[in-house]
Protein backbone atom coordinates (compact mmCIF):
# COMPACT_ATOMS: atom_id res chain seq x y z
CA MET A 1 205.28 253.64 122.09
CA ARG A 2 207.86 256.44 122.55
CA LEU A 3 210.80 256.33 120.10
CA SER A 4 214.37 256.55 121.37
CA CYS A 5 215.87 260.01 120.99
CA THR A 6 219.42 258.67 120.67
CA LEU A 7 219.03 258.22 116.93
CA PRO A 8 220.89 260.59 114.62
CA ALA A 9 218.88 263.71 113.89
CA VAL A 10 217.98 262.77 110.32
CA ALA A 11 216.99 259.24 111.26
CA LEU A 12 214.93 260.58 114.16
CA LEU A 13 212.92 262.83 111.86
CA VAL A 14 212.14 259.89 109.61
CA ALA A 15 211.30 257.54 112.42
CA CYS A 16 209.12 260.03 114.23
CA ALA A 17 206.97 260.79 111.22
CA ALA A 18 203.63 259.20 111.99
CA VAL A 19 203.19 257.30 108.74
CA ASP A 20 204.10 258.24 105.20
CA PRO A 21 200.87 259.94 104.00
CA SER A 22 201.09 258.31 100.58
CA ARG A 23 201.21 254.90 102.26
CA ALA A 24 198.47 255.78 104.70
CA GLN A 25 196.16 256.70 101.86
CA GLN A 26 196.86 253.71 99.63
CA ALA A 27 193.71 251.93 98.52
CA ASP A 28 193.00 248.46 99.82
CA PHE A 29 190.00 246.49 98.57
CA SER A 30 190.79 243.34 100.59
CA ARG A 31 187.68 241.35 101.56
CA LYS A 32 185.46 243.83 99.70
CA THR A 33 182.96 243.30 96.91
CA ILE A 34 182.73 245.78 94.05
CA THR A 35 179.40 245.96 92.22
CA ILE A 36 179.18 247.13 88.61
CA TYR A 37 175.67 248.49 88.04
CA ILE A 38 174.68 247.96 84.41
CA GLY A 39 171.96 250.34 83.27
CA ASN A 40 170.50 247.87 80.77
CA THR A 41 169.10 244.36 80.67
CA ALA A 42 171.10 241.38 79.47
CA GLY A 43 171.93 240.91 75.82
CA GLY A 44 173.34 244.27 74.69
CA THR A 45 176.81 245.76 74.61
CA TYR A 46 176.44 247.56 77.95
CA ASP A 47 175.73 244.22 79.62
CA LEU A 48 178.45 242.50 77.59
CA MET A 49 181.07 245.09 78.54
CA GLY A 50 179.95 245.28 82.15
CA ARG A 51 180.34 241.54 82.61
CA LEU A 52 183.63 241.46 80.70
CA VAL A 53 185.16 244.06 83.03
CA ALA A 54 183.67 242.36 86.09
CA ARG A 55 185.56 239.16 85.21
CA HIS A 56 188.96 240.89 85.13
CA LEU A 57 189.12 244.20 87.02
CA GLY A 58 189.49 242.69 90.49
CA HIS A 59 192.78 241.00 89.55
CA PHE A 60 194.41 244.41 89.16
CA LEU A 61 193.07 246.14 92.28
CA PRO A 62 194.89 246.13 95.64
CA GLY A 63 193.50 243.27 97.70
CA ASN A 64 192.01 241.45 94.69
CA PRO A 65 188.35 242.13 95.53
CA THR A 66 185.41 240.23 94.11
CA VAL A 67 183.69 242.16 91.32
CA VAL A 68 180.08 241.33 90.49
CA PRO A 69 177.82 242.72 87.73
CA GLU A 70 174.24 243.73 88.54
CA ASN A 71 171.69 244.79 85.95
CA MET A 72 169.75 247.90 86.99
CA PRO A 73 167.67 249.00 83.98
CA GLY A 74 165.25 251.90 84.07
CA ALA A 75 164.79 255.46 82.75
CA GLY A 76 166.80 254.72 79.63
CA SER A 77 169.59 253.34 81.89
CA LEU A 78 169.76 256.56 83.96
CA ARG A 79 168.41 254.80 87.04
CA ALA A 80 171.81 253.14 87.52
CA ALA A 81 173.62 256.48 87.25
CA ASN A 82 171.28 257.99 89.84
CA HIS A 83 171.96 255.06 92.16
CA VAL A 84 175.75 255.29 91.92
CA PHE A 85 175.66 259.07 92.36
CA ASN A 86 173.17 259.31 95.24
CA VAL A 87 172.83 255.98 97.04
CA ALA A 88 175.87 253.74 96.56
CA PRO A 89 178.87 253.87 98.92
CA LYS A 90 181.49 256.53 98.22
CA ASP A 91 184.39 254.13 98.70
CA GLY A 92 185.05 252.79 95.21
CA THR A 93 182.93 249.65 95.64
CA ALA A 94 180.18 250.86 93.30
CA LEU A 95 180.78 251.33 89.59
CA GLY A 96 178.36 252.00 86.75
CA ILE A 97 178.00 251.74 82.99
CA VAL A 98 175.04 253.50 81.37
CA THR A 99 173.91 255.15 78.13
CA ASP A 100 176.54 257.12 76.25
CA THR A 101 174.07 260.02 76.02
CA ILE A 102 174.30 260.55 79.79
CA THR A 103 175.72 264.07 79.45
CA ILE A 104 173.25 265.16 76.79
CA GLU A 105 170.33 264.09 78.96
CA GLN A 106 171.80 266.22 81.75
CA ALA A 107 172.36 269.21 79.47
CA LEU A 108 168.81 268.99 78.16
CA HIS A 109 167.34 268.75 81.67
CA ASN A 110 165.87 265.28 81.41
CA PRO A 111 163.76 265.00 84.60
CA ALA A 112 165.12 261.48 85.12
CA VAL A 113 168.62 262.90 85.65
CA GLN A 114 169.43 263.16 89.36
CA PHE A 115 173.20 263.41 89.04
CA ASP A 116 175.96 265.67 87.76
CA ALA A 117 178.07 263.75 85.24
CA ARG A 118 181.00 266.14 85.86
CA LYS A 119 181.21 264.94 89.45
CA LEU A 120 181.07 261.23 88.71
CA THR A 121 184.51 259.61 88.95
CA TRP A 122 185.24 258.40 85.43
CA ILE A 123 187.39 255.26 85.39
CA GLY A 124 187.82 254.47 81.70
CA ARG A 125 186.22 253.43 78.42
CA VAL A 126 186.36 249.95 76.92
CA ALA A 127 184.73 250.77 73.58
CA ALA A 128 183.32 253.57 71.51
CA SER A 129 179.69 253.27 70.46
CA ASN A 130 177.71 253.21 67.25
CA ALA A 131 173.97 252.87 67.63
CA VAL A 132 172.28 251.87 64.38
CA HIS A 133 168.66 252.24 63.33
CA ILE A 134 167.33 249.08 61.72
CA MET A 135 164.04 248.24 60.02
CA TRP A 136 162.50 244.82 59.48
CA HIS A 137 162.45 243.70 55.86
CA THR A 138 158.64 243.80 55.64
CA SER A 139 158.44 247.49 56.57
CA LYS A 140 157.77 250.08 53.88
CA VAL A 141 160.56 252.12 55.44
CA GLN A 142 163.95 250.96 54.18
CA SER A 143 165.71 254.33 54.28
CA ILE A 144 165.54 257.74 55.95
CA GLU A 145 163.85 259.09 52.82
CA ASP A 146 161.21 256.35 53.10
CA ALA A 147 160.63 257.40 56.72
CA LYS A 148 159.61 260.85 55.46
CA ARG A 149 156.88 259.29 53.31
CA PHE A 150 155.61 256.37 55.37
CA GLU A 151 154.86 255.93 59.07
CA ALA A 152 156.81 253.19 60.83
CA THR A 153 156.83 251.97 64.42
CA VAL A 154 160.09 251.74 66.36
CA ALA A 155 160.73 250.28 69.80
CA GLY A 156 161.52 252.85 72.49
CA THR A 157 163.84 251.84 75.32
CA GLY A 158 163.64 254.82 77.65
CA ALA A 159 163.69 258.61 77.52
CA GLY A 160 167.47 258.76 77.90
CA ASN A 161 168.19 256.28 75.16
CA ALA A 162 168.98 256.92 71.48
CA ALA A 163 166.10 254.62 70.52
CA GLU A 164 163.73 257.39 71.62
CA THR A 165 165.74 260.61 71.46
CA VAL A 166 167.07 260.28 67.92
CA PRO A 167 163.74 259.30 66.27
CA THR A 168 162.12 262.22 68.11
CA LEU A 169 164.75 264.59 66.70
CA LEU A 170 164.43 263.09 63.21
CA ASN A 171 160.68 263.65 63.27
CA ALA A 172 161.05 267.25 64.41
CA LEU A 173 164.00 268.25 62.24
CA LEU A 174 163.73 266.11 59.11
CA GLY A 175 160.02 265.39 58.94
CA THR A 176 160.24 261.63 59.38
CA LYS A 177 157.18 259.70 60.57
CA LEU A 178 158.69 257.37 63.12
CA LYS A 179 156.17 256.32 65.77
CA ILE A 180 157.87 255.38 69.03
CA ILE A 181 156.31 252.47 70.92
CA LYS A 182 157.61 252.90 74.45
CA GLY A 183 158.12 250.42 77.25
CA TYR A 184 160.91 248.11 76.08
CA PRO A 185 163.72 247.71 78.63
CA ALA A 186 166.67 247.63 76.22
CA ALA A 187 167.82 246.83 72.70
CA ASN A 188 167.62 243.06 73.05
CA GLU A 189 163.93 243.18 73.94
CA ALA A 190 163.38 245.74 71.17
CA MET A 191 164.86 243.41 68.57
CA LEU A 192 162.75 240.52 69.83
CA ALA A 193 159.68 242.74 69.51
CA MET A 194 160.66 243.59 65.94
CA GLU A 195 161.11 239.92 65.12
CA ARG A 196 157.66 239.15 66.58
CA GLY A 197 156.07 241.89 64.49
CA GLU A 198 155.16 244.19 67.38
CA VAL A 199 157.24 247.00 65.86
CA GLU A 200 159.02 247.61 62.56
CA GLY A 201 162.29 249.05 63.84
CA ALA A 202 164.80 249.03 66.68
CA VAL A 203 168.05 250.77 67.67
CA PRO A 204 170.79 248.35 68.82
CA ASN A 205 174.53 248.93 68.87
CA TRP A 206 176.26 247.87 65.66
CA THR A 207 178.51 245.43 67.53
CA THR A 208 175.51 243.82 69.21
CA LEU A 209 173.68 243.50 65.91
CA LYS A 210 176.48 241.94 63.91
CA THR A 211 177.45 239.49 66.66
CA THR A 212 174.07 238.41 68.04
CA ARG A 213 171.95 238.79 64.89
CA ALA A 214 174.47 238.06 62.14
CA SER A 215 171.90 235.90 60.32
CA TRP A 216 169.58 238.90 59.96
CA LEU A 217 172.26 240.75 58.06
CA ARG A 218 173.24 237.71 56.02
CA ASP A 219 169.67 236.79 55.09
CA GLY A 220 168.44 240.34 54.45
CA LYS A 221 165.98 240.27 57.35
CA ILE A 222 166.79 243.86 58.32
CA LYS A 223 168.03 247.07 56.74
CA VAL A 224 170.35 249.48 58.55
CA ILE A 225 169.07 252.96 57.65
CA LEU A 226 171.16 255.21 59.94
CA GLN A 227 174.24 255.12 62.17
CA ASP A 228 174.55 257.53 65.11
CA VAL A 229 178.08 258.80 64.43
CA ASN A 230 179.61 261.93 62.93
CA GLU A 231 181.02 260.18 59.88
CA ARG A 232 180.22 256.87 58.19
CA GLY A 233 182.12 253.94 59.60
CA PRO A 234 184.22 251.67 57.38
CA GLU A 235 181.89 248.73 57.91
CA LEU A 236 178.80 250.73 56.88
CA PRO A 237 180.02 253.03 54.11
CA ASP A 238 176.62 253.11 52.39
CA VAL A 239 174.60 253.95 55.51
CA PRO A 240 174.03 257.67 56.29
CA ALA A 241 175.68 259.02 59.44
CA LEU A 242 173.64 261.14 61.84
CA GLY A 243 176.28 263.86 61.69
CA GLU A 244 175.75 264.41 57.96
CA LEU A 245 171.99 265.01 58.21
CA GLY A 246 170.15 268.30 58.64
CA ASP A 247 169.41 271.11 56.21
CA THR A 248 169.87 273.96 58.68
CA LEU A 249 172.56 274.96 61.17
CA GLU A 250 170.16 274.33 64.04
CA ALA A 251 169.34 270.83 62.79
CA LYS A 252 173.01 269.99 62.29
CA GLN A 253 173.88 271.21 65.79
CA LEU A 254 171.12 269.20 67.42
CA LEU A 255 171.81 266.01 65.51
CA GLY A 256 175.54 266.54 66.04
CA LEU A 257 175.04 266.35 69.81
CA TYR A 258 173.89 262.76 69.52
CA ALA A 259 176.37 261.90 66.78
CA GLY A 260 179.25 262.84 69.06
CA THR A 261 178.53 260.53 71.99
CA SER A 262 180.79 257.74 70.74
CA THR A 263 183.78 259.26 72.63
CA ILE A 264 182.02 258.46 75.89
CA GLY A 265 180.84 255.13 74.54
CA ARG A 266 180.96 252.21 76.95
CA SER A 267 182.60 253.99 79.88
CA PHE A 268 182.72 253.09 83.55
CA PHE A 269 182.35 255.50 86.44
CA ALA A 270 182.34 255.43 90.23
CA SER A 271 180.61 257.55 92.84
CA PRO A 272 181.56 261.22 93.23
CA GLY A 273 183.89 262.46 95.93
CA LEU A 274 186.22 259.47 96.13
CA PRO A 275 189.54 259.85 97.96
CA PRO A 276 192.33 260.48 95.42
CA ALA A 277 194.03 257.18 96.28
CA ILE A 278 190.85 255.23 95.49
CA THR A 279 190.40 257.06 92.18
CA LYS A 280 194.02 256.37 91.24
CA ALA A 281 193.73 252.70 92.15
CA LEU A 282 190.61 252.24 90.03
CA ARG A 283 192.04 254.07 87.03
CA ASP A 284 195.40 252.30 87.27
CA ALA A 285 193.68 248.93 87.55
CA PHE A 286 191.48 249.69 84.54
CA ALA A 287 194.52 250.72 82.48
CA ALA A 288 196.44 247.59 83.46
CA MET A 289 193.45 245.36 82.78
CA SER A 290 192.95 246.83 79.31
CA LYS A 291 196.49 245.76 78.31
CA ASP A 292 196.28 242.29 79.82
CA PRO A 293 196.42 239.44 77.27
CA GLU A 294 193.78 237.43 79.12
CA PHE A 295 191.36 240.36 79.10
CA ILE A 296 191.99 240.99 75.39
CA ALA A 297 191.51 237.30 74.59
CA ASP A 298 188.27 237.21 76.58
CA ALA A 299 187.03 240.28 74.70
CA ARG A 300 187.72 238.53 71.40
CA GLN A 301 185.97 235.42 72.64
CA VAL A 302 182.74 237.34 73.29
CA ASN A 303 183.09 239.49 70.14
CA ALA A 304 183.63 242.67 72.13
CA GLU A 305 185.40 245.30 70.03
CA LEU A 306 187.73 247.28 72.27
CA GLU A 307 188.61 250.96 71.90
CA ILE A 308 190.19 251.86 75.22
CA GLY A 309 190.07 255.36 76.69
CA SER A 310 191.49 256.56 80.02
CA GLY A 311 189.40 257.96 82.83
CA GLU A 312 190.97 261.36 82.27
CA GLU A 313 190.08 261.23 78.57
CA VAL A 314 186.46 260.36 79.32
CA GLN A 315 186.30 263.11 81.95
CA ARG A 316 187.37 265.67 79.34
CA ALA A 317 184.79 264.33 76.86
CA VAL A 318 182.07 264.59 79.51
CA GLU A 319 182.92 268.21 80.25
CA ARG A 320 183.03 269.11 76.54
CA SER A 321 179.66 267.52 75.83
CA LEU A 322 178.04 269.42 78.69
CA ASP A 323 179.12 272.69 77.10
CA VAL A 324 176.04 273.02 74.85
CA PRO A 325 175.03 276.40 73.37
CA GLU A 326 171.96 277.78 75.12
CA GLY A 327 170.07 278.11 71.84
CA VAL A 328 170.57 274.44 71.10
CA VAL A 329 169.44 273.49 74.60
CA LYS A 330 166.32 275.63 74.25
CA ARG A 331 165.34 274.11 70.90
CA ALA A 332 165.98 270.58 72.13
CA ARG A 333 163.88 271.16 75.22
CA GLU A 334 161.06 272.40 73.00
CA ILE A 335 161.29 269.24 70.91
CA PHE A 336 161.35 266.95 73.94
CA ALA A 337 158.73 269.07 75.77
CA ARG A 338 160.98 269.56 78.81
């Protein structure tokens, strides 16, 4: 339709503009379904956080889409990252939450990595992380020092997961004798295996342990021997932190890589190459959701400890953690035989 040219000049310029570009590019998720791919099986904090966000995020997105969680375990949770990066639609309808060591596995050239974490669209973080190494009460190993004297079996949950990477580093750098029994999908299955006597140790998240296995702590069924953080947390002041271990600079640098993943923690990302309007809509919705009283109450109800971080903050943490000195990369690749 041709516009009348009898309008005043200024009005004509406004009216004849095709459409305001900012409006034309606004995101609209009406009648769409967003899938959150969770890189772990049910029962752990990744699954807990993935389902928590799935229950609330859609209320804050334009068009109020349906958001559904889908477990996609494999390769230490990296299978889900590969899927979102390479296969899923590039329209904001595919999100992911995977291991917090995602960038380290990329930096160390894990063959399971088929993505570039820098190019993923980081949406936000719901919680920091603190993986803990636990041993069953019947094991001879009840401390890191014990692990240097006695062999103990621990459940491995994939090459990109702290349950395998950290024990491997401890063996190589500290002389521990941790024998990794591979093949367990995630921490929940690892803890069940420990309870059944298949292995002596497992590596869950501290939040998962204290909420789903509180009786183990109360009854002395397990001993926490290490926490994968830079400094000891207030709830575990007597448990060594990964960041304080190592007798050489090389050992401290390598262990420090894995101690510093808590900043990424339980973060959500979308496919690479999203239109700016879609990225903004997802990040704005995540930020609004994280302040919503109903979301916060739901998190308390499921014992989810929140430590919110913006998508921009996570993006910066991802880029920093990929900046690993070449010497450290070389030594780590030697240890992991990559």
